[in-house]
Amino acid sequence: MIPNQNKVAKVKHDFNGKITLAITGASGAGYALRLIECLIAANYQLYILCSSAGRIVLDTEVGIKIPGSPDAASQFFTEKYQAKAGQITVFGKEQWFSPVASGSAAPKQMVVCPCSTGTMSAICHGMSDNLIERAADVVIKERGQLILVVRETPFSTLHLQNMLSLSQQGVTIMPASPGFYHKAKSIDDLVDFMVGRILDHLGIEQEIMPRWGYS
């Protein structure tokens, strides 16, 4: 049989796993970008979700303007991080037919980084009004691993109550509170502290942050 010349061969890559990364409107866009860089280097496939406020924070804090369409945004991140074909996919906030919206297809691991207290509240109460909230809801109900890198100060009683409720459901609450015992010399060092801790919890080997007690 003569192969169909019009068919395009699909490139298949063996990734180490899939992770959903949501970026919201809390301060700390640098954490998300460094996490993307490390996950791509570790050969993970990423599904990226970014809220409207998250896009504004990325532009404000690091001068990155994400294209409006999901396809263009996927291409943007793929080129920025020199990712493999299909390694990064960006979904819009109402793409309800995306894998992350379904318990049968969503990755078992998800990180919201940075996570606003508004997003945390919506996740806590199962709102599912947009794809970020729905994806988090799916991970919780499927007994997966959800990490919320919350960035706010001070925390109100309501914030703390939401954190307690989520923690009791198995969610990891990891406030963006970098340590200083590794003698940070730059903002990048502080970012690496937090990203290193996230990678540790995801079970991904990392060498960007020195461990306590080791030189």
N, C-alpha and C. Protein backbone atom coordinates (compact mmCIF):
# COMPACT_ATOMS: atom_id res chain seq x y z
N MET A 1 0.85 -1.20 0.00
CA MET A 1 0.00 0.00 0.00
C MET A 1 0.88 1.24 0.00
N ILE A 2 0.56 2.19 -0.86
CA ILE A 2 1.32 3.44 -0.94
C ILE A 2 0.85 4.36 0.17
N PRO A 3 1.74 4.87 1.00
CA PRO A 3 1.33 5.76 2.09
C PRO A 3 0.75 7.05 1.56
N ASN A 4 -0.20 7.60 2.29
CA ASN A 4 -0.83 8.87 1.92
C ASN A 4 0.19 9.99 2.10
N GLN A 5 0.54 10.64 1.02
CA GLN A 5 1.56 11.69 1.06
C GLN A 5 1.09 12.93 1.81
N ASN A 6 -0.23 13.07 1.98
CA ASN A 6 -0.77 14.26 2.63
C ASN A 6 -0.76 14.17 4.15
N LYS A 7 -0.53 12.97 4.66
CA LYS A 7 -0.52 12.82 6.11
C LYS A 7 0.82 13.28 6.67
N VAL A 8 0.74 14.01 7.78
CA VAL A 8 1.94 14.49 8.44
C VAL A 8 2.26 13.56 9.59
N ALA A 9 3.48 13.06 9.62
CA ALA A 9 3.88 12.15 10.69
C ALA A 9 3.91 12.89 12.02
N LYS A 10 3.33 12.27 13.03
CA LYS A 10 3.33 12.86 14.36
C LYS A 10 4.62 12.51 15.09
N VAL A 11 5.22 13.54 15.65
CA VAL A 11 6.46 13.32 16.39
C VAL A 11 6.11 12.85 17.80
N LYS A 12 6.64 11.72 18.20
CA LYS A 12 6.35 11.17 19.52
C LYS A 12 7.56 11.31 20.41
N HIS A 13 7.35 11.90 21.56
CA HIS A 13 8.43 12.04 22.53
C HIS A 13 8.06 11.28 23.80
N ASP A 14 9.03 10.69 24.43
CA ASP A 14 8.81 10.00 25.70
C ASP A 14 9.13 10.96 26.84
N PHE A 15 8.08 11.57 27.38
CA PHE A 15 8.26 12.51 28.47
C PHE A 15 8.25 11.75 29.80
N ASN A 16 8.84 12.36 30.81
CA ASN A 16 8.89 11.72 32.13
C ASN A 16 7.57 11.78 32.87
N GLY A 17 6.65 12.60 32.39
CA GLY A 17 5.35 12.73 33.02
C GLY A 17 4.66 14.00 32.56
N LYS A 18 3.44 14.20 33.06
CA LYS A 18 2.67 15.39 32.71
C LYS A 18 2.33 16.17 33.98
N ILE A 19 2.41 17.47 33.89
CA ILE A 19 2.08 18.33 35.02
C ILE A 19 1.28 19.52 34.52
N THR A 20 0.25 19.89 35.27
CA THR A 20 -0.51 21.09 34.97
C THR A 20 0.04 22.23 35.81
N LEU A 21 0.32 23.36 35.16
CA LEU A 21 0.80 24.55 35.86
C LEU A 21 -0.18 25.68 35.61
N ALA A 22 -0.74 26.23 36.68
CA ALA A 22 -1.63 27.37 36.57
C ALA A 22 -0.94 28.61 37.12
N ILE A 23 -1.08 29.71 36.41
CA ILE A 23 -0.48 30.98 36.80
C ILE A 23 -1.61 31.96 37.05
N THR A 24 -1.69 32.51 38.26
CA THR A 24 -2.77 33.44 38.59
C THR A 24 -2.22 34.83 38.87
N GLY A 25 -3.08 35.71 39.35
CA GLY A 25 -2.72 37.12 39.46
C GLY A 25 -1.97 37.53 40.71
N ALA A 26 -1.51 36.59 41.51
CA ALA A 26 -0.69 36.97 42.66
C ALA A 26 0.70 37.40 42.19
N SER A 27 1.37 38.19 43.00
CA SER A 27 2.73 38.58 42.67
C SER A 27 3.64 37.35 42.73
N GLY A 28 4.66 37.33 41.87
CA GLY A 28 5.59 36.21 41.87
C GLY A 28 5.67 35.50 40.54
N ALA A 29 5.53 36.25 39.46
CA ALA A 29 5.58 35.65 38.12
C ALA A 29 6.91 34.94 37.87
N GLY A 30 7.98 35.44 38.47
CA GLY A 30 9.29 34.82 38.28
C GLY A 30 9.34 33.38 38.74
N TYR A 31 8.57 33.06 39.77
CA TYR A 31 8.51 31.67 40.24
C TYR A 31 7.97 30.76 39.14
N ALA A 32 6.90 31.20 38.51
CA ALA A 32 6.27 30.39 37.46
C ALA A 32 7.21 30.17 36.29
N LEU A 33 7.88 31.22 35.86
CA LEU A 33 8.77 31.11 34.71
C LEU A 33 9.96 30.19 35.00
N ARG A 34 10.51 30.31 36.18
CA ARG A 34 11.64 29.44 36.55
C ARG A 34 11.17 27.98 36.68
N LEU A 35 9.96 27.79 37.18
CA LEU A 35 9.42 26.44 37.30
C LEU A 35 9.22 25.83 35.92
N ILE A 36 8.72 26.61 34.98
CA ILE A 36 8.56 26.11 33.60
C ILE A 36 9.91 25.68 33.05
N GLU A 37 10.91 26.53 33.23
CA GLU A 37 12.26 26.23 32.73
C GLU A 37 12.78 24.91 33.30
N CYS A 38 12.58 24.71 34.61
CA CYS A 38 13.10 23.49 35.25
C CYS A 38 12.31 22.25 34.82
N LEU A 39 11.01 22.38 34.67
CA LEU A 39 10.20 21.23 34.27
C LEU A 39 10.48 20.81 32.83
N ILE A 40 10.74 21.79 31.98
CA ILE A 40 11.10 21.48 30.59
C ILE A 40 12.46 20.77 30.57
N ALA A 41 13.40 21.28 31.36
CA ALA A 41 14.72 20.67 31.42
C ALA A 41 14.65 19.24 31.97
N ALA A 42 13.66 18.98 32.84
CA ALA A 42 13.48 17.64 33.41
C ALA A 42 12.65 16.74 32.50
N ASN A 43 12.33 17.23 31.31
CA ASN A 43 11.62 16.46 30.29
C ASN A 43 10.19 16.11 30.69
N TYR A 44 9.50 17.08 31.28
CA TYR A 44 8.08 16.90 31.58
C TYR A 44 7.23 17.61 30.56
N GLN A 45 6.06 17.06 30.31
CA GLN A 45 5.09 17.70 29.43
C GLN A 45 4.21 18.61 30.27
N LEU A 46 4.00 19.84 29.81
CA LEU A 46 3.28 20.84 30.60
C LEU A 46 1.98 21.26 29.94
N TYR A 47 0.95 21.34 30.76
CA TYR A 47 -0.29 22.00 30.39
C TYR A 47 -0.32 23.30 31.19
N ILE A 48 -0.29 24.42 30.51
CA ILE A 48 -0.22 25.72 31.19
C ILE A 48 -1.57 26.44 31.10
N LEU A 49 -2.04 26.92 32.25
CA LEU A 49 -3.26 27.70 32.34
C LEU A 49 -2.88 29.04 32.95
N CYS A 50 -3.35 30.13 32.37
CA CYS A 50 -2.99 31.45 32.89
C CYS A 50 -4.23 32.32 32.94
N SER A 51 -4.51 32.86 34.11
CA SER A 51 -5.68 33.73 34.26
C SER A 51 -5.42 35.09 33.62
N SER A 52 -6.47 35.88 33.45
CA SER A 52 -6.31 37.23 32.90
C SER A 52 -5.42 38.07 33.80
N ALA A 53 -5.63 37.96 35.10
CA ALA A 53 -4.79 38.70 36.05
C ALA A 53 -3.36 38.19 36.00
N GLY A 54 -3.19 36.89 35.79
CA GLY A 54 -1.85 36.33 35.68
C GLY A 54 -1.09 36.93 34.50
N ARG A 55 -1.79 37.13 33.40
CA ARG A 55 -1.16 37.75 32.23
C ARG A 55 -0.69 39.17 32.54
N ILE A 56 -1.51 39.89 33.30
CA ILE A 56 -1.16 41.26 33.66
C ILE A 56 0.07 41.28 34.56
N VAL A 57 0.12 40.36 35.52
CA VAL A 57 1.26 40.30 36.43
C VAL A 57 2.54 39.92 35.67
N LEU A 58 2.45 38.98 34.74
CA LEU A 58 3.62 38.61 33.93
C LEU A 58 4.16 39.82 33.18
N ASP A 59 3.26 40.60 32.63
CA ASP A 59 3.68 41.80 31.89
C ASP A 59 4.27 42.83 32.83
N THR A 60 3.62 43.03 33.98
CA THR A 60 4.05 44.06 34.93
C THR A 60 5.38 43.73 35.59
N GLU A 61 5.54 42.48 36.02
CA GLU A 61 6.72 42.12 36.80
C GLU A 61 7.93 41.73 35.96
N VAL A 62 7.71 41.05 34.84
CA VAL A 62 8.86 40.58 34.05
C VAL A 62 8.80 41.00 32.59
N GLY A 63 7.80 41.80 32.21
CA GLY A 63 7.73 42.33 30.85
C GLY A 63 7.41 41.30 29.79
N ILE A 64 6.71 40.24 30.15
CA ILE A 64 6.34 39.21 29.19
C ILE A 64 4.86 39.34 28.84
N LYS A 65 4.59 39.51 27.56
CA LYS A 65 3.22 39.59 27.08
C LYS A 65 2.87 38.26 26.40
N ILE A 66 1.95 37.52 27.01
CA ILE A 66 1.55 36.24 26.45
C ILE A 66 0.52 36.48 25.35
N PRO A 67 0.70 35.89 24.18
CA PRO A 67 -0.30 36.04 23.11
C PRO A 67 -1.69 35.62 23.57
N GLY A 68 -2.70 36.23 22.97
CA GLY A 68 -4.07 35.99 23.40
C GLY A 68 -4.60 34.60 23.11
N SER A 69 -4.28 34.07 21.93
CA SER A 69 -4.83 32.76 21.57
C SER A 69 -4.00 31.64 22.20
N PRO A 70 -4.65 30.56 22.63
CA PRO A 70 -3.93 29.44 23.24
C PRO A 70 -2.85 28.86 22.33
N ASP A 71 -3.13 28.73 21.03
CA ASP A 71 -2.15 28.17 20.10
C ASP A 71 -0.91 29.06 20.01
N ALA A 72 -1.15 30.37 19.91
CA ALA A 72 -0.02 31.30 19.83
C ALA A 72 0.77 31.33 21.13
N ALA A 73 0.05 31.22 22.25
CA ALA A 73 0.73 31.20 23.55
C ALA A 73 1.56 29.92 23.69
N SER A 74 1.03 28.81 23.19
CA SER A 74 1.78 27.55 23.24
C SER A 74 3.07 27.67 22.44
N GLN A 75 2.98 28.27 21.26
CA GLN A 75 4.15 28.46 20.42
C GLN A 75 5.15 29.41 21.07
N PHE A 76 4.62 30.44 21.74
CA PHE A 76 5.46 31.42 22.43
C PHE A 76 6.32 30.73 23.49
N PHE A 77 5.69 29.95 24.36
CA PHE A 77 6.42 29.27 25.42
C PHE A 77 7.35 28.20 24.87
N THR A 78 6.91 27.52 23.83
CA THR A 78 7.75 26.48 23.22
C THR A 78 9.05 27.08 22.70
N GLU A 79 8.95 28.22 22.03
CA GLU A 79 10.14 28.87 21.50
C GLU A 79 10.99 29.47 22.62
N LYS A 80 10.33 30.06 23.62
CA LYS A 80 11.07 30.71 24.71
C LYS A 80 11.93 29.71 25.47
N TYR A 81 11.40 28.51 25.68
CA TYR A 81 12.13 27.52 26.47
C TYR A 81 12.72 26.41 25.62
N GLN A 82 12.68 26.59 24.30
CA GLN A 82 13.24 25.61 23.36
C GLN A 82 12.73 24.20 23.70
N ALA A 83 11.43 24.12 23.92
CA ALA A 83 10.80 22.85 24.27
C ALA A 83 10.60 21.98 23.05
N LYS A 84 10.38 20.70 23.27
CA LYS A 84 10.10 19.77 22.19
C LYS A 84 8.70 20.02 21.64
N ALA A 85 8.46 19.52 20.46
CA ALA A 85 7.12 19.63 19.88
C ALA A 85 6.11 18.93 20.78
N GLY A 86 5.06 19.65 21.15
CA GLY A 86 4.02 19.07 21.99
C GLY A 86 4.34 19.05 23.46
N GLN A 87 5.48 19.60 23.86
CA GLN A 87 5.85 19.55 25.27
C GLN A 87 5.09 20.59 26.10
N ILE A 88 4.73 21.70 25.48
CA ILE A 88 3.98 22.75 26.18
C ILE A 88 2.68 23.02 25.44
N THR A 89 1.58 22.95 26.17
CA THR A 89 0.28 23.30 25.61
C THR A 89 -0.41 24.28 26.55
N VAL A 90 -0.81 25.41 26.00
CA VAL A 90 -1.54 26.41 26.79
C VAL A 90 -3.02 26.30 26.46
N PHE A 91 -3.85 26.30 27.50
CA PHE A 91 -5.30 26.24 27.31
C PHE A 91 -5.95 27.54 27.78
N GLY A 92 -7.01 27.94 27.09
CA GLY A 92 -7.78 29.11 27.47
C GLY A 92 -8.65 28.82 28.67
N LYS A 93 -9.15 29.89 29.31
CA LYS A 93 -9.87 29.73 30.58
C LYS A 93 -11.21 29.03 30.43
N GLU A 94 -11.71 28.90 29.19
CA GLU A 94 -12.99 28.22 29.00
C GLU A 94 -12.89 27.07 27.99
N GLN A 95 -11.72 26.48 27.88
CA GLN A 95 -11.56 25.32 27.02
C GLN A 95 -11.94 24.05 27.80
N TRP A 96 -13.24 23.86 27.92
CA TRP A 96 -13.77 22.81 28.78
C TRP A 96 -13.51 21.40 28.24
N PHE A 97 -13.13 21.30 26.97
CA PHE A 97 -12.86 19.99 26.40
C PHE A 97 -11.36 19.64 26.46
N SER A 98 -10.59 20.43 27.20
CA SER A 98 -9.17 20.14 27.35
C SER A 98 -8.98 19.00 28.34
N PRO A 99 -7.85 18.29 28.26
CA PRO A 99 -7.61 17.15 29.16
C PRO A 99 -7.71 17.48 30.64
N VAL A 100 -7.29 18.69 31.03
CA VAL A 100 -7.25 19.02 32.45
C VAL A 100 -8.62 19.13 33.07
N ALA A 101 -9.67 19.21 32.25
CA ALA A 101 -11.03 19.34 32.77
C ALA A 101 -11.67 18.00 33.07
N SER A 102 -10.99 16.92 32.76
CA SER A 102 -11.58 15.59 32.91
C SER A 102 -10.74 14.69 33.81
N GLY A 103 -11.42 14.02 34.72
CA GLY A 103 -10.71 13.11 35.61
C GLY A 103 -10.06 11.96 34.91
N SER A 104 -10.52 11.62 33.72
CA SER A 104 -9.95 10.49 32.99
C SER A 104 -8.73 10.88 32.16
N ALA A 105 -8.44 12.18 32.07
CA ALA A 105 -7.34 12.62 31.20
C ALA A 105 -6.36 13.58 31.87
N ALA A 106 -6.77 14.22 32.94
CA ALA A 106 -5.92 15.24 33.56
C ALA A 106 -4.69 14.64 34.22
N PRO A 107 -3.56 15.38 34.19
CA PRO A 107 -2.38 14.93 34.94
C PRO A 107 -2.71 14.80 36.42
N LYS A 108 -2.04 13.91 37.10
CA LYS A 108 -2.28 13.69 38.52
C LYS A 108 -1.57 14.71 39.39
N GLN A 109 -0.72 15.53 38.78
CA GLN A 109 0.00 16.56 39.52
C GLN A 109 -0.31 17.93 38.94
N MET A 110 -0.56 18.89 39.84
CA MET A 110 -0.85 20.25 39.41
C MET A 110 -0.25 21.23 40.41
N VAL A 111 0.30 22.31 39.89
CA VAL A 111 0.85 23.38 40.71
C VAL A 111 0.17 24.69 40.30
N VAL A 112 -0.28 25.45 41.28
CA VAL A 112 -0.77 26.80 41.02
C VAL A 112 0.29 27.74 41.56
N CYS A 113 1.00 28.42 40.67
CA CYS A 113 2.17 29.22 41.06
C CYS A 113 2.34 30.44 40.16
N PRO A 114 2.23 31.62 40.71
CA PRO A 114 1.78 31.91 42.06
C PRO A 114 0.26 31.74 42.17
N CYS A 115 -0.20 31.53 43.40
CA CYS A 115 -1.64 31.32 43.63
C CYS A 115 -2.21 32.49 44.42
N SER A 116 -3.16 33.18 43.85
CA SER A 116 -3.82 34.28 44.56
C SER A 116 -4.76 33.70 45.60
N THR A 117 -5.08 34.50 46.62
CA THR A 117 -6.00 34.02 47.65
C THR A 117 -7.41 33.89 47.09
N GLY A 118 -7.72 34.66 46.04
CA GLY A 118 -9.02 34.51 45.39
C GLY A 118 -9.15 33.16 44.72
N THR A 119 -8.10 32.76 44.00
CA THR A 119 -8.11 31.44 43.36
C THR A 119 -8.15 30.34 44.42
N MET A 120 -7.39 30.52 45.48
CA MET A 120 -7.39 29.53 46.56
C MET A 120 -8.80 29.37 47.14
N SER A 121 -9.48 30.48 47.34
CA SER A 121 -10.84 30.43 47.88
C SER A 121 -11.78 29.69 46.94
N ALA A 122 -11.68 29.99 45.64
CA ALA A 122 -12.55 29.34 44.65
C ALA A 122 -12.29 27.84 44.61
N ILE A 123 -11.01 27.45 44.69
CA ILE A 123 -10.66 26.03 44.70
C ILE A 123 -11.20 25.36 45.97
N CYS A 124 -11.03 26.05 47.09
CA CYS A 124 -11.47 25.50 48.37
C CYS A 124 -12.96 25.18 48.35
N HIS A 125 -13.74 26.04 47.69
CA HIS A 125 -15.19 25.88 47.71
C HIS A 125 -15.74 25.23 46.44
N GLY A 126 -14.84 24.69 45.62
CA GLY A 126 -15.26 23.92 44.45
C GLY A 126 -16.04 24.72 43.42
N MET A 127 -15.65 25.96 43.19
CA MET A 127 -16.42 26.84 42.30
C MET A 127 -16.39 26.37 40.85
N SER A 128 -15.21 26.04 40.34
CA SER A 128 -15.06 25.54 38.96
C SER A 128 -15.67 26.46 37.92
N ASP A 129 -15.51 27.77 38.10
CA ASP A 129 -16.06 28.74 37.15
C ASP A 129 -15.15 28.99 35.96
N ASN A 130 -13.88 28.56 36.05
CA ASN A 130 -12.97 28.67 34.92
C ASN A 130 -12.09 27.43 34.90
N LEU A 131 -11.24 27.31 33.90
CA LEU A 131 -10.48 26.07 33.72
C LEU A 131 -9.47 25.83 34.84
N ILE A 132 -8.90 26.90 35.40
CA ILE A 132 -7.96 26.73 36.50
C ILE A 132 -8.67 26.09 37.69
N GLU A 133 -9.83 26.64 38.03
CA GLU A 133 -10.58 26.11 39.18
C GLU A 133 -11.05 24.69 38.91
N ARG A 134 -11.50 24.43 37.69
CA ARG A 134 -11.97 23.08 37.35
C ARG A 134 -10.81 22.08 37.39
N ALA A 135 -9.66 22.47 36.85
CA ALA A 135 -8.51 21.57 36.84
C ALA A 135 -8.09 21.21 38.26
N ALA A 136 -8.09 22.19 39.14
CA ALA A 136 -7.74 21.94 40.53
C ALA A 136 -8.78 21.03 41.19
N ASP A 137 -10.04 21.27 40.89
CA ASP A 137 -11.12 20.45 41.42
C ASP A 137 -10.96 18.99 40.99
N VAL A 138 -10.55 18.80 39.73
CA VAL A 138 -10.35 17.45 39.20
C VAL A 138 -9.22 16.75 39.95
N VAL A 139 -8.11 17.44 40.17
CA VAL A 139 -6.97 16.83 40.86
C VAL A 139 -7.37 16.43 42.29
N ILE A 140 -8.14 17.28 42.95
CA ILE A 140 -8.56 16.96 44.31
C ILE A 140 -9.48 15.74 44.33
N LYS A 141 -10.46 15.73 43.44
CA LYS A 141 -11.43 14.63 43.46
C LYS A 141 -10.82 13.31 43.02
N GLU A 142 -9.77 13.39 42.19
CA GLU A 142 -9.10 12.18 41.72
C GLU A 142 -7.96 11.75 42.66
N ARG A 143 -7.86 12.45 43.80
CA ARG A 143 -6.84 12.14 44.80
C ARG A 143 -5.43 12.27 44.23
N GLY A 144 -5.25 13.32 43.43
CA GLY A 144 -3.92 13.60 42.90
C GLY A 144 -3.16 14.54 43.81
N GLN A 145 -2.09 15.13 43.29
CA GLN A 145 -1.25 16.04 44.06
C GLN A 145 -1.46 17.47 43.58
N LEU A 146 -1.94 18.32 44.46
CA LEU A 146 -2.16 19.73 44.15
C LEU A 146 -1.32 20.58 45.09
N ILE A 147 -0.49 21.45 44.51
CA ILE A 147 0.37 22.35 45.29
C ILE A 147 -0.05 23.78 44.99
N LEU A 148 -0.36 24.53 46.04
CA LEU A 148 -0.73 25.94 45.89
C LEU A 148 0.38 26.81 46.46
N VAL A 149 1.05 27.58 45.59
CA VAL A 149 2.11 28.48 46.03
C VAL A 149 1.47 29.84 46.27
N VAL A 150 0.91 29.98 47.46
CA VAL A 150 0.12 31.16 47.79
C VAL A 150 1.03 32.35 48.06
N ARG A 151 0.64 33.52 47.52
CA ARG A 151 1.43 34.73 47.72
C ARG A 151 0.49 35.84 48.19
N GLU A 152 0.58 36.16 49.47
CA GLU A 152 -0.20 37.25 50.06
C GLU A 152 0.38 37.53 51.43
N THR A 153 0.23 38.76 51.91
CA THR A 153 0.66 39.06 53.27
C THR A 153 -0.04 40.34 53.73
N PRO A 154 -0.56 40.37 54.93
CA PRO A 154 -0.69 39.23 55.84
C PRO A 154 -1.86 38.34 55.41
N PHE A 155 -1.95 37.16 56.00
CA PHE A 155 -3.09 36.29 55.75
C PHE A 155 -4.23 36.67 56.69
N SER A 156 -5.42 36.76 56.13
CA SER A 156 -6.59 37.00 56.97
C SER A 156 -7.05 35.69 57.59
N THR A 157 -7.97 35.79 58.54
CA THR A 157 -8.53 34.59 59.15
C THR A 157 -9.20 33.72 58.08
N LEU A 158 -9.88 34.36 57.11
CA LEU A 158 -10.53 33.62 56.04
C LEU A 158 -9.52 32.87 55.19
N HIS A 159 -8.39 33.53 54.88
CA HIS A 159 -7.33 32.86 54.12
C HIS A 159 -6.85 31.62 54.87
N LEU A 160 -6.63 31.77 56.15
CA LEU A 160 -6.11 30.67 56.96
C LEU A 160 -7.12 29.54 57.07
N GLN A 161 -8.40 29.89 57.17
CA GLN A 161 -9.44 28.86 57.22
C GLN A 161 -9.49 28.07 55.90
N ASN A 162 -9.34 28.78 54.78
CA ASN A 162 -9.33 28.11 53.48
C ASN A 162 -8.11 27.19 53.36
N MET A 163 -6.96 27.66 53.83
CA MET A 163 -5.76 26.83 53.80
C MET A 163 -5.95 25.57 54.62
N LEU A 164 -6.53 25.70 55.82
CA LEU A 164 -6.75 24.55 56.67
C LEU A 164 -7.69 23.55 56.00
N SER A 165 -8.77 24.05 55.40
CA SER A 165 -9.73 23.18 54.73
C SER A 165 -9.07 22.43 53.58
N LEU A 166 -8.28 23.13 52.78
CA LEU A 166 -7.60 22.49 51.65
C LEU A 166 -6.56 21.49 52.12
N SER A 167 -5.82 21.85 53.17
CA SER A 167 -4.82 20.95 53.70
C SER A 167 -5.46 19.66 54.20
N GLN A 168 -6.63 19.78 54.80
CA GLN A 168 -7.35 18.60 55.28
C GLN A 168 -7.83 17.71 54.14
N GLN A 169 -7.90 18.30 52.92
CA GLN A 169 -8.28 17.53 51.74
C GLN A 169 -7.06 16.96 51.01
N GLY A 170 -5.88 17.18 51.57
CA GLY A 170 -4.67 16.63 50.97
C GLY A 170 -3.91 17.58 50.08
N VAL A 171 -4.35 18.85 50.01
CA VAL A 171 -3.66 19.84 49.19
C VAL A 171 -2.44 20.36 49.94
N THR A 172 -1.33 20.55 49.22
CA THR A 172 -0.12 21.11 49.82
C THR A 172 -0.15 22.63 49.71
N ILE A 173 -0.13 23.29 50.85
CA ILE A 173 -0.09 24.76 50.87
C ILE A 173 1.36 25.18 51.06
N MET A 174 1.92 25.83 50.05
CA MET A 174 3.33 26.20 50.07
C MET A 174 3.47 27.70 49.80
N PRO A 175 3.29 28.52 50.84
CA PRO A 175 3.40 29.97 50.64
C PRO A 175 4.74 30.36 50.03
N ALA A 176 4.72 31.37 49.20
CA ALA A 176 5.95 31.84 48.56
C ALA A 176 6.79 32.59 49.59
N SER A 177 7.44 31.82 50.45
CA SER A 177 8.24 32.36 51.56
C SER A 177 9.64 31.78 51.51
N PRO A 178 10.49 32.31 50.65
CA PRO A 178 11.84 31.74 50.52
C PRO A 178 12.65 31.92 51.79
N GLY A 179 13.51 30.94 52.07
CA GLY A 179 14.41 31.03 53.21
C GLY A 179 15.68 31.80 52.84
N PHE A 180 16.44 32.15 53.85
CA PHE A 180 17.66 32.93 53.63
C PHE A 180 18.91 32.22 54.15
N TYR A 181 18.72 30.99 54.68
CA TYR A 181 19.86 30.31 55.29
C TYR A 181 20.88 29.86 54.27
N HIS A 182 20.53 29.87 52.97
CA HIS A 182 21.51 29.46 51.95
C HIS A 182 22.31 30.66 51.44
N LYS A 183 22.20 31.79 52.20
CA LYS A 183 22.97 33.01 51.90
C LYS A 183 22.71 33.51 50.48
N ALA A 184 21.45 33.77 50.20
CA ALA A 184 21.05 34.25 48.88
C ALA A 184 21.76 35.56 48.55
N LYS A 185 22.25 35.62 47.32
CA LYS A 185 22.95 36.83 46.87
C LYS A 185 22.15 37.61 45.84
N SER A 186 21.03 37.05 45.41
CA SER A 186 20.23 37.73 44.39
C SER A 186 18.78 37.28 44.49
N ILE A 187 17.92 37.99 43.76
CA ILE A 187 16.52 37.59 43.69
C ILE A 187 16.40 36.22 43.05
N ASP A 188 17.24 35.94 42.08
CA ASP A 188 17.22 34.63 41.43
C ASP A 188 17.46 33.51 42.43
N ASP A 189 18.32 33.75 43.41
CA ASP A 189 18.59 32.74 44.44
C ASP A 189 17.34 32.48 45.27
N LEU A 190 16.58 33.54 45.57
CA LEU A 190 15.36 33.39 46.35
C LEU A 190 14.29 32.66 45.54
N VAL A 191 14.23 32.96 44.25
CA VAL A 191 13.29 32.26 43.36
C VAL A 191 13.64 30.78 43.32
N ASP A 192 14.93 30.48 43.18
CA ASP A 192 15.37 29.08 43.12
C ASP A 192 15.06 28.33 44.40
N PHE A 193 15.10 29.01 45.53
CA PHE A 193 14.76 28.36 46.79
C PHE A 193 13.34 27.80 46.72
N MET A 194 12.40 28.64 46.29
CA MET A 194 11.00 28.20 46.24
C MET A 194 10.78 27.15 45.16
N VAL A 195 11.36 27.37 43.99
CA VAL A 195 11.16 26.42 42.88
C VAL A 195 11.78 25.07 43.24
N GLY A 196 12.92 25.10 43.94
CA GLY A 196 13.55 23.87 44.38
C GLY A 196 12.64 23.08 45.32
N ARG A 197 11.96 23.79 46.22
CA ARG A 197 11.04 23.13 47.14
C ARG A 197 9.84 22.54 46.40
N ILE A 198 9.36 23.26 45.38
CA ILE A 198 8.25 22.73 44.59
C ILE A 198 8.67 21.45 43.88
N LEU A 199 9.85 21.48 43.27
CA LEU A 199 10.36 20.29 42.57
C LEU A 199 10.53 19.12 43.53
N ASP A 200 10.98 19.40 44.74
CA ASP A 200 11.13 18.35 45.74
C ASP A 200 9.79 17.67 45.99
N HIS A 201 8.75 18.46 46.15
CA HIS A 201 7.43 17.90 46.45
C HIS A 201 6.84 17.17 45.25
N LEU A 202 7.24 17.56 44.06
CA LEU A 202 6.78 16.87 42.86
C LEU A 202 7.56 15.57 42.62
N GLY A 203 8.62 15.38 43.40
CA GLY A 203 9.43 14.18 43.24
C GLY A 203 10.40 14.26 42.07
N ILE A 204 10.80 15.49 41.73
CA ILE A 204 11.70 15.71 40.61
C ILE A 204 13.07 16.11 41.13
N GLU A 205 14.10 15.40 40.73
CA GLU A 205 15.45 15.70 41.19
C GLU A 205 15.84 17.12 40.77
N GLN A 206 16.48 17.82 41.70
CA GLN A 206 16.89 19.19 41.39
C GLN A 206 18.19 19.50 42.11
N GLU A 207 18.95 20.39 41.49
CA GLU A 207 20.22 20.83 42.08
C GLU A 207 20.31 22.35 42.10
N ILE A 208 19.17 23.01 41.98
CA ILE A 208 19.20 24.47 41.93
C ILE A 208 19.25 25.09 43.32
N MET A 209 18.91 24.29 44.34
CA MET A 209 18.92 24.79 45.71
C MET A 209 19.74 23.88 46.59
N PRO A 210 20.78 24.41 47.27
CA PRO A 210 21.57 23.57 48.15
C PRO A 210 20.74 23.08 49.32
N ARG A 211 20.96 21.85 49.74
CA ARG A 211 20.18 21.28 50.83
C ARG A 211 20.81 21.57 52.18
N TRP A 212 19.97 21.66 53.19
CA TRP A 212 20.43 21.97 54.54
C TRP A 212 21.45 20.91 55.00
N GLY A 213 22.57 21.41 55.53
CA GLY A 213 23.58 20.50 56.03
C GLY A 213 24.58 20.03 55.01
N TYR A 214 24.38 20.42 53.72
CA TYR A 214 25.31 20.03 52.67
C TYR A 214 25.97 21.29 52.09
N SER A 215 27.23 21.21 51.83
CA SER A 215 27.94 22.37 51.27
C SER A 215 27.73 22.43 49.77
